[in-house]
Amino acid sequence: MFEIERKFLVKSEAFLQQATSHQLIAQGYLNSNPDRTVRIRIASERGIITIKGKSNSSGTTRFEWETEISLIDAIPLLALCESGVIHKKRYTIPVGKHTYEVDVFEGENEGLILAEIELKTENESYEKPDWLDKEVTGDDRYYNSYLSHHPYKNWD
């Protein structure tokens, strides 16, 4: 029930050549408090509810509970969410023993591309493809819950 992940900016679209799949995602927050976010997501005709706790001091690890819900339930729950629903296209890219998920944001967050990799331990080694840029793990500005209220297009 704990998620360990690292997050990176992406400097080129070279990842597209390695992608094995993609899906459109719409997600909103019933609660965007950083201590306990409650997210509703619709991805590829599936509904998902996720509860996340606050990150540890390095930003790599936090509590996460997630379960699938019906699309019939997810649609009205998404409509109840706080303003600032996130829209993005997520690409899946296998690299070595791991899989990167690359989110290409749309709408208010267009221009932002982030990659995430989930790990089993905080110190686990992993391959870094050439298209990765600066690591932003632990930088709250790159959490989707933050982006929902402070869109990337409004950043300086």
N, C-alpha and C. Protein backbone atom coordinates (compact mmCIF):
# COMPACT_ATOMS: atom_id res chain seq x y z
N MET A 1 0.81 -1.20 0.00
CA MET A 1 0.00 0.00 0.00
C MET A 1 0.85 1.27 0.00
N PHE A 2 2.14 1.10 -0.24
CA PHE A 2 2.99 2.27 -0.37
C PHE A 2 3.52 2.33 -1.79
N GLU A 3 3.57 3.53 -2.30
CA GLU A 3 4.07 3.78 -3.64
C GLU A 3 5.45 4.41 -3.51
N ILE A 4 6.41 3.85 -4.25
CA ILE A 4 7.76 4.42 -4.31
C ILE A 4 8.00 4.76 -5.77
N GLU A 5 8.18 6.05 -6.05
CA GLU A 5 8.38 6.45 -7.44
C GLU A 5 9.30 7.66 -7.54
N ARG A 6 9.88 7.78 -8.71
CA ARG A 6 10.68 8.95 -9.05
C ARG A 6 10.02 9.61 -10.25
N LYS A 7 10.15 10.93 -10.31
CA LYS A 7 9.48 11.71 -11.35
C LYS A 7 10.51 12.60 -12.05
N PHE A 8 10.39 12.71 -13.37
CA PHE A 8 11.36 13.46 -14.19
C PHE A 8 10.64 14.31 -15.22
N LEU A 9 11.23 15.44 -15.56
CA LEU A 9 10.82 16.17 -16.75
C LEU A 9 11.31 15.38 -17.96
N VAL A 10 10.69 15.60 -19.09
CA VAL A 10 11.06 14.91 -20.33
C VAL A 10 11.52 15.97 -21.32
N LYS A 11 12.71 15.73 -21.93
CA LYS A 11 13.30 16.76 -22.79
C LYS A 11 13.07 16.56 -24.28
N SER A 12 12.57 15.41 -24.68
CA SER A 12 12.30 15.20 -26.11
C SER A 12 11.16 14.20 -26.26
N GLU A 13 10.64 14.11 -27.45
CA GLU A 13 9.56 13.16 -27.72
C GLU A 13 10.09 11.82 -28.22
N ALA A 14 11.37 11.55 -28.00
CA ALA A 14 11.97 10.29 -28.44
C ALA A 14 11.30 9.09 -27.77
N PHE A 15 10.69 9.29 -26.62
CA PHE A 15 10.01 8.20 -25.91
C PHE A 15 8.87 7.62 -26.75
N LEU A 16 8.30 8.42 -27.65
CA LEU A 16 7.18 7.95 -28.46
C LEU A 16 7.56 6.73 -29.30
N GLN A 17 8.82 6.66 -29.74
CA GLN A 17 9.27 5.53 -30.55
C GLN A 17 9.37 4.25 -29.74
N GLN A 18 9.48 4.37 -28.41
CA GLN A 18 9.61 3.20 -27.54
C GLN A 18 8.30 2.82 -26.87
N ALA A 19 7.28 3.64 -27.00
CA ALA A 19 6.01 3.39 -26.31
C ALA A 19 5.33 2.13 -26.82
N THR A 20 4.83 1.33 -25.89
CA THR A 20 4.13 0.10 -26.26
C THR A 20 2.61 0.28 -26.19
N SER A 21 2.15 1.32 -25.49
CA SER A 21 0.72 1.60 -25.41
C SER A 21 0.51 3.02 -24.92
N HIS A 22 -0.73 3.48 -25.05
CA HIS A 22 -1.09 4.78 -24.48
C HIS A 22 -2.58 4.77 -24.16
N GLN A 23 -2.96 5.69 -23.28
CA GLN A 23 -4.36 5.83 -22.91
C GLN A 23 -4.66 7.29 -22.57
N LEU A 24 -5.90 7.69 -22.80
CA LEU A 24 -6.35 9.02 -22.41
C LEU A 24 -6.85 8.96 -20.98
N ILE A 25 -6.50 9.98 -20.20
CA ILE A 25 -6.86 10.02 -18.79
C ILE A 25 -7.49 11.37 -18.47
N ALA A 26 -8.59 11.32 -17.73
CA ALA A 26 -9.19 12.51 -17.12
C ALA A 26 -9.21 12.22 -15.63
N GLN A 27 -8.70 13.16 -14.82
CA GLN A 27 -8.71 12.93 -13.39
C GLN A 27 -8.96 14.23 -12.64
N GLY A 28 -9.69 14.08 -11.55
CA GLY A 28 -10.01 15.21 -10.71
C GLY A 28 -9.85 14.82 -9.25
N TYR A 29 -9.95 15.81 -8.39
CA TYR A 29 -9.72 15.61 -6.97
C TYR A 29 -10.95 15.98 -6.16
N LEU A 30 -11.44 14.99 -5.40
CA LEU A 30 -12.48 15.27 -4.42
C LEU A 30 -11.88 16.01 -3.24
N ASN A 31 -10.59 15.75 -3.00
CA ASN A 31 -9.83 16.43 -1.96
C ASN A 31 -8.39 16.54 -2.43
N SER A 32 -7.88 17.77 -2.54
CA SER A 32 -6.51 17.96 -3.01
C SER A 32 -5.55 18.37 -1.89
N ASN A 33 -5.96 18.20 -0.64
CA ASN A 33 -5.08 18.48 0.48
C ASN A 33 -3.86 17.57 0.39
N PRO A 34 -2.64 18.12 0.41
CA PRO A 34 -1.43 17.29 0.24
C PRO A 34 -1.27 16.18 1.29
N ASP A 35 -1.92 16.34 2.44
CA ASP A 35 -1.83 15.29 3.47
C ASP A 35 -2.68 14.08 3.14
N ARG A 36 -3.71 14.26 2.29
CA ARG A 36 -4.59 13.16 1.94
C ARG A 36 -5.39 13.51 0.70
N THR A 37 -4.89 13.17 -0.46
CA THR A 37 -5.63 13.45 -1.69
C THR A 37 -6.57 12.30 -2.00
N VAL A 38 -7.72 12.64 -2.56
CA VAL A 38 -8.69 11.65 -3.02
C VAL A 38 -8.95 11.97 -4.49
N ARG A 39 -8.55 11.03 -5.34
CA ARG A 39 -8.58 11.26 -6.78
C ARG A 39 -9.59 10.33 -7.45
N ILE A 40 -10.29 10.86 -8.44
CA ILE A 40 -11.14 10.08 -9.32
C ILE A 40 -10.52 10.13 -10.70
N ARG A 41 -10.37 8.97 -11.32
CA ARG A 41 -9.75 8.92 -12.64
C ARG A 41 -10.61 8.08 -13.58
N ILE A 42 -10.70 8.57 -14.81
CA ILE A 42 -11.28 7.77 -15.88
C ILE A 42 -10.17 7.55 -16.90
N ALA A 43 -9.85 6.28 -17.13
CA ALA A 43 -8.77 5.91 -18.04
C ALA A 43 -9.22 4.71 -18.86
N SER A 44 -9.25 4.89 -20.16
CA SER A 44 -9.62 3.77 -21.06
C SER A 44 -10.92 3.11 -20.62
N GLU A 45 -11.94 3.92 -20.42
CA GLU A 45 -13.27 3.43 -20.07
C GLU A 45 -13.33 2.70 -18.73
N ARG A 46 -12.34 2.95 -17.85
CA ARG A 46 -12.35 2.39 -16.49
C ARG A 46 -12.37 3.53 -15.50
N GLY A 47 -13.07 3.32 -14.41
CA GLY A 47 -13.07 4.29 -13.32
C GLY A 47 -12.13 3.80 -12.22
N ILE A 48 -11.44 4.72 -11.56
CA ILE A 48 -10.50 4.37 -10.49
C ILE A 48 -10.61 5.45 -9.41
N ILE A 49 -10.66 5.02 -8.16
CA ILE A 49 -10.58 5.95 -7.04
C ILE A 49 -9.27 5.66 -6.31
N THR A 50 -8.55 6.73 -5.97
CA THR A 50 -7.24 6.60 -5.33
C THR A 50 -7.17 7.56 -4.15
N ILE A 51 -6.64 7.06 -3.05
CA ILE A 51 -6.35 7.89 -1.89
C ILE A 51 -4.85 7.84 -1.67
N LYS A 52 -4.22 9.02 -1.56
CA LYS A 52 -2.78 9.10 -1.34
C LYS A 52 -2.51 9.92 -0.09
N GLY A 53 -1.49 9.49 0.64
CA GLY A 53 -1.06 10.24 1.82
C GLY A 53 0.06 11.18 1.46
N LYS A 54 0.57 11.86 2.47
CA LYS A 54 1.67 12.80 2.29
C LYS A 54 2.96 12.05 1.99
N SER A 55 3.80 12.61 1.14
CA SER A 55 5.09 12.01 0.79
C SER A 55 6.06 12.11 1.96
N ASN A 56 7.03 11.19 1.97
CA ASN A 56 8.11 11.28 2.95
C ASN A 56 9.02 12.46 2.60
N SER A 57 10.07 12.68 3.38
CA SER A 57 10.91 13.88 3.20
C SER A 57 11.61 13.91 1.83
N SER A 58 11.91 12.75 1.24
CA SER A 58 12.57 12.74 -0.07
C SER A 58 11.57 12.86 -1.22
N GLY A 59 10.29 12.69 -0.91
CA GLY A 59 9.26 12.78 -1.94
C GLY A 59 9.07 11.50 -2.74
N THR A 60 9.79 10.44 -2.38
CA THR A 60 9.72 9.21 -3.18
C THR A 60 8.65 8.23 -2.72
N THR A 61 8.27 8.28 -1.45
CA THR A 61 7.39 7.25 -0.90
C THR A 61 6.18 7.87 -0.22
N ARG A 62 5.03 7.28 -0.49
CA ARG A 62 3.82 7.69 0.22
C ARG A 62 2.78 6.59 0.17
N PHE A 63 1.86 6.67 1.11
CA PHE A 63 0.74 5.73 1.17
C PHE A 63 -0.11 5.92 -0.09
N GLU A 64 -0.55 4.78 -0.66
CA GLU A 64 -1.47 4.85 -1.80
C GLU A 64 -2.41 3.67 -1.73
N TRP A 65 -3.70 3.96 -1.80
CA TRP A 65 -4.73 2.94 -1.88
C TRP A 65 -5.55 3.25 -3.12
N GLU A 66 -5.78 2.21 -3.94
CA GLU A 66 -6.45 2.42 -5.21
C GLU A 66 -7.34 1.22 -5.51
N THR A 67 -8.51 1.49 -6.07
CA THR A 67 -9.38 0.41 -6.50
C THR A 67 -10.21 0.85 -7.71
N GLU A 68 -10.55 -0.11 -8.52
CA GLU A 68 -11.35 0.18 -9.71
C GLU A 68 -12.81 0.35 -9.29
N ILE A 69 -13.47 1.31 -9.93
CA ILE A 69 -14.91 1.51 -9.74
C ILE A 69 -15.54 1.52 -11.13
N SER A 70 -16.84 1.34 -11.17
CA SER A 70 -17.51 1.31 -12.47
C SER A 70 -17.46 2.69 -13.13
N LEU A 71 -17.48 2.69 -14.43
CA LEU A 71 -17.52 3.94 -15.19
C LEU A 71 -18.80 4.70 -14.85
N ILE A 72 -19.88 3.97 -14.61
CA ILE A 72 -21.16 4.59 -14.25
C ILE A 72 -21.03 5.38 -12.94
N ASP A 73 -20.19 4.90 -12.02
CA ASP A 73 -19.94 5.63 -10.77
C ASP A 73 -18.89 6.73 -10.97
N ALA A 74 -17.89 6.46 -11.78
CA ALA A 74 -16.78 7.40 -11.95
C ALA A 74 -17.21 8.71 -12.61
N ILE A 75 -18.10 8.65 -13.56
CA ILE A 75 -18.51 9.86 -14.30
C ILE A 75 -19.13 10.90 -13.37
N PRO A 76 -20.14 10.56 -12.54
CA PRO A 76 -20.69 11.59 -11.66
C PRO A 76 -19.71 12.00 -10.54
N LEU A 77 -18.85 11.09 -10.10
CA LEU A 77 -17.85 11.46 -9.10
C LEU A 77 -16.86 12.46 -9.68
N LEU A 78 -16.45 12.27 -10.92
CA LEU A 78 -15.55 13.23 -11.56
C LEU A 78 -16.21 14.61 -11.66
N ALA A 79 -17.52 14.61 -11.91
CA ALA A 79 -18.26 15.88 -11.99
C ALA A 79 -18.32 16.59 -10.63
N LEU A 80 -18.21 15.85 -9.53
CA LEU A 80 -18.22 16.43 -8.18
C LEU A 80 -16.86 16.98 -7.75
N CYS A 81 -15.83 16.68 -8.51
CA CYS A 81 -14.47 17.06 -8.13
C CYS A 81 -14.27 18.57 -8.11
N GLU A 82 -13.23 18.98 -7.38
CA GLU A 82 -12.81 20.37 -7.36
C GLU A 82 -12.54 20.82 -8.80
N SER A 83 -12.55 22.12 -9.03
CA SER A 83 -12.27 22.62 -10.38
C SER A 83 -10.83 22.26 -10.77
N GLY A 84 -10.58 22.19 -12.05
CA GLY A 84 -9.23 21.90 -12.54
C GLY A 84 -8.99 20.45 -12.87
N VAL A 85 -9.94 19.81 -13.55
CA VAL A 85 -9.75 18.42 -13.97
C VAL A 85 -8.56 18.35 -14.91
N ILE A 86 -7.69 17.36 -14.68
CA ILE A 86 -6.48 17.15 -15.47
C ILE A 86 -6.81 16.24 -16.65
N HIS A 87 -6.31 16.60 -17.83
CA HIS A 87 -6.43 15.77 -19.03
C HIS A 87 -5.03 15.51 -19.55
N LYS A 88 -4.76 14.23 -19.85
CA LYS A 88 -3.42 13.87 -20.32
C LYS A 88 -3.49 12.57 -21.10
N LYS A 89 -2.43 12.36 -21.88
CA LYS A 89 -2.25 11.09 -22.58
C LYS A 89 -1.05 10.43 -21.92
N ARG A 90 -1.25 9.19 -21.46
CA ARG A 90 -0.19 8.45 -20.77
C ARG A 90 0.36 7.36 -21.68
N TYR A 91 1.68 7.38 -21.84
CA TYR A 91 2.39 6.38 -22.64
C TYR A 91 3.14 5.43 -21.71
N THR A 92 3.16 4.17 -22.07
CA THR A 92 3.88 3.14 -21.32
C THR A 92 5.13 2.77 -22.10
N ILE A 93 6.29 2.86 -21.42
CA ILE A 93 7.57 2.62 -22.08
C ILE A 93 8.42 1.68 -21.22
N PRO A 94 8.63 0.43 -21.68
CA PRO A 94 9.53 -0.46 -20.94
C PRO A 94 10.98 -0.06 -21.17
N VAL A 95 11.75 0.01 -20.07
CA VAL A 95 13.18 0.34 -20.14
C VAL A 95 13.88 -0.58 -19.15
N GLY A 96 14.65 -1.52 -19.67
CA GLY A 96 15.32 -2.48 -18.79
C GLY A 96 14.30 -3.29 -18.02
N LYS A 97 14.47 -3.39 -16.70
CA LYS A 97 13.57 -4.17 -15.84
C LYS A 97 12.35 -3.38 -15.38
N HIS A 98 12.25 -2.12 -15.77
CA HIS A 98 11.20 -1.24 -15.29
C HIS A 98 10.33 -0.71 -16.43
N THR A 99 9.27 -0.05 -16.04
CA THR A 99 8.38 0.60 -17.00
C THR A 99 8.22 2.05 -16.60
N TYR A 100 8.45 2.94 -17.54
CA TYR A 100 8.19 4.36 -17.33
C TYR A 100 6.78 4.65 -17.83
N GLU A 101 6.11 5.55 -17.14
CA GLU A 101 4.85 6.09 -17.61
C GLU A 101 5.11 7.57 -17.90
N VAL A 102 4.84 7.97 -19.14
CA VAL A 102 5.08 9.34 -19.55
C VAL A 102 3.74 10.01 -19.81
N ASP A 103 3.49 11.09 -19.09
CA ASP A 103 2.25 11.84 -19.22
C ASP A 103 2.47 13.09 -20.04
N VAL A 104 1.73 13.19 -21.13
CA VAL A 104 1.73 14.38 -21.97
C VAL A 104 0.44 15.13 -21.65
N PHE A 105 0.58 16.24 -20.97
CA PHE A 105 -0.58 16.98 -20.47
C PHE A 105 -1.23 17.78 -21.58
N GLU A 106 -2.54 17.95 -21.43
CA GLU A 106 -3.34 18.70 -22.40
C GLU A 106 -4.07 19.83 -21.68
N GLY A 107 -4.77 20.64 -22.43
CA GLY A 107 -5.58 21.70 -21.84
C GLY A 107 -4.73 22.73 -21.11
N GLU A 108 -5.11 23.04 -19.88
CA GLU A 108 -4.44 24.06 -19.08
C GLU A 108 -2.99 23.72 -18.75
N ASN A 109 -2.63 22.46 -18.85
CA ASN A 109 -1.26 22.01 -18.53
C ASN A 109 -0.47 21.61 -19.78
N GLU A 110 -0.98 21.99 -20.95
CA GLU A 110 -0.29 21.67 -22.20
C GLU A 110 1.13 22.22 -22.18
N GLY A 111 2.06 21.42 -22.70
CA GLY A 111 3.47 21.80 -22.73
C GLY A 111 4.28 21.07 -21.68
N LEU A 112 3.60 20.51 -20.69
CA LEU A 112 4.28 19.76 -19.63
C LEU A 112 4.29 18.28 -19.98
N ILE A 113 5.47 17.68 -19.91
CA ILE A 113 5.62 16.24 -20.12
C ILE A 113 6.43 15.70 -18.95
N LEU A 114 5.85 14.75 -18.22
CA LEU A 114 6.49 14.15 -17.04
C LEU A 114 6.59 12.64 -17.20
N ALA A 115 7.69 12.08 -16.70
CA ALA A 115 7.88 10.63 -16.68
C ALA A 115 7.97 10.18 -15.23
N GLU A 116 7.37 9.04 -14.94
CA GLU A 116 7.44 8.44 -13.61
C GLU A 116 7.89 7.00 -13.75
N ILE A 117 8.62 6.55 -12.74
CA ILE A 117 9.02 5.15 -12.65
C ILE A 117 8.74 4.68 -11.23
N GLU A 118 8.06 3.54 -11.10
CA GLU A 118 7.80 2.96 -9.79
C GLU A 118 8.90 1.97 -9.47
N LEU A 119 9.32 2.02 -8.21
CA LEU A 119 10.42 1.17 -7.74
C LEU A 119 9.97 0.33 -6.56
N LYS A 120 10.75 -0.71 -6.25
CA LYS A 120 10.45 -1.56 -5.09
C LYS A 120 11.06 -1.00 -3.82
N THR A 121 12.19 -0.29 -3.95
CA THR A 121 12.84 0.36 -2.81
C THR A 121 13.32 1.74 -3.25
N GLU A 122 13.53 2.63 -2.29
CA GLU A 122 13.96 3.99 -2.64
C GLU A 122 15.33 4.02 -3.31
N ASN A 123 16.19 3.05 -3.00
CA ASN A 123 17.55 3.05 -3.54
C ASN A 123 17.74 2.08 -4.70
N GLU A 124 16.66 1.53 -5.22
CA GLU A 124 16.75 0.58 -6.33
C GLU A 124 17.36 1.27 -7.56
N SER A 125 18.26 0.58 -8.23
CA SER A 125 18.86 1.15 -9.45
C SER A 125 17.90 0.95 -10.63
N TYR A 126 18.02 1.84 -11.60
CA TYR A 126 17.17 1.81 -12.79
C TYR A 126 17.90 2.50 -13.93
N GLU A 127 17.51 2.16 -15.15
CA GLU A 127 18.10 2.78 -16.33
C GLU A 127 17.41 4.12 -16.60
N LYS A 128 18.22 5.11 -17.00
CA LYS A 128 17.69 6.42 -17.35
C LYS A 128 17.85 6.63 -18.85
N PRO A 129 16.74 6.59 -19.59
CA PRO A 129 16.83 6.81 -21.04
C PRO A 129 17.25 8.25 -21.35
N ASP A 130 17.77 8.45 -22.56
CA ASP A 130 18.28 9.76 -22.99
C ASP A 130 17.23 10.86 -22.99
N TRP A 131 15.96 10.50 -23.13
CA TRP A 131 14.91 11.51 -23.21
C TRP A 131 14.50 12.07 -21.85
N LEU A 132 15.04 11.51 -20.76
CA LEU A 132 14.76 12.07 -19.44
C LEU A 132 15.57 13.33 -19.22
N ASP A 133 14.99 14.26 -18.47
CA ASP A 133 15.67 15.51 -18.12
C ASP A 133 15.79 15.55 -16.60
N LYS A 134 15.68 16.70 -16.03
CA LYS A 134 15.85 16.93 -14.59
C LYS A 134 14.87 16.11 -13.75
N GLU A 135 15.36 15.55 -12.65
CA GLU A 135 14.49 14.85 -11.71
C GLU A 135 13.73 15.89 -10.88
N VAL A 136 12.42 15.67 -10.74
CA VAL A 136 11.57 16.59 -9.97
C VAL A 136 10.83 15.86 -8.85
N THR A 137 11.33 14.68 -8.47
CA THR A 137 10.75 13.94 -7.36
C THR A 137 10.71 14.83 -6.12
N GLY A 138 9.58 14.88 -5.46
CA GLY A 138 9.46 15.67 -4.24
C GLY A 138 9.13 17.13 -4.46
N ASP A 139 9.12 17.59 -5.71
CA ASP A 139 8.75 18.98 -6.00
C ASP A 139 7.22 19.02 -6.16
N ASP A 140 6.56 19.57 -5.16
CA ASP A 140 5.10 19.57 -5.12
C ASP A 140 4.45 20.18 -6.35
N ARG A 141 5.15 21.07 -7.03
CA ARG A 141 4.56 21.72 -8.22
C ARG A 141 4.21 20.71 -9.31
N TYR A 142 4.86 19.55 -9.29
CA TYR A 142 4.64 18.56 -10.34
C TYR A 142 3.66 17.47 -9.92
N TYR A 143 3.04 17.61 -8.76
CA TYR A 143 1.96 16.70 -8.38
C TYR A 143 0.72 17.12 -9.17
N ASN A 144 -0.03 16.16 -9.64
CA ASN A 144 -1.25 16.46 -10.39
C ASN A 144 -2.23 17.27 -9.55
N SER A 145 -2.29 17.00 -8.25
CA SER A 145 -3.21 17.75 -7.39
C SER A 145 -2.84 19.23 -7.37
N TYR A 146 -1.55 19.56 -7.45
CA TYR A 146 -1.11 20.96 -7.52
C TYR A 146 -1.45 21.53 -8.89
N LEU A 147 -1.15 20.77 -9.93
CA LEU A 147 -1.41 21.24 -11.30
C LEU A 147 -2.89 21.51 -11.55
N SER A 148 -3.76 20.80 -10.83
CA SER A 148 -5.19 21.02 -11.03
C SER A 148 -5.61 22.42 -10.59
N HIS A 149 -4.89 23.01 -9.63
CA HIS A 149 -5.22 24.36 -9.15
C HIS A 149 -4.26 25.43 -9.66
N HIS A 150 -3.07 25.02 -10.09
CA HIS A 150 -2.04 25.94 -10.58
C HIS A 150 -1.54 25.42 -11.93
N PRO A 151 -2.32 25.61 -12.98
CA PRO A 151 -1.97 25.03 -14.29
C PRO A 151 -0.60 25.49 -14.79
N TYR A 152 0.04 24.58 -15.48
CA TYR A 152 1.39 24.82 -16.03
C TYR A 152 1.43 26.06 -16.91
N LYS A 153 0.36 26.33 -17.65
CA LYS A 153 0.35 27.48 -18.57
C LYS A 153 0.46 28.81 -17.82
N ASN A 154 0.17 28.83 -16.52
CA ASN A 154 0.25 30.06 -15.71
C ASN A 154 1.58 30.22 -14.98
N TRP A 155 2.48 29.25 -15.12
CA TRP A 155 3.78 29.34 -14.45
C TRP A 155 4.64 30.40 -15.13
N ASP A 156 5.53 31.00 -14.37
CA ASP A 156 6.48 31.97 -14.95
C ASP A 156 7.57 31.27 -15.70
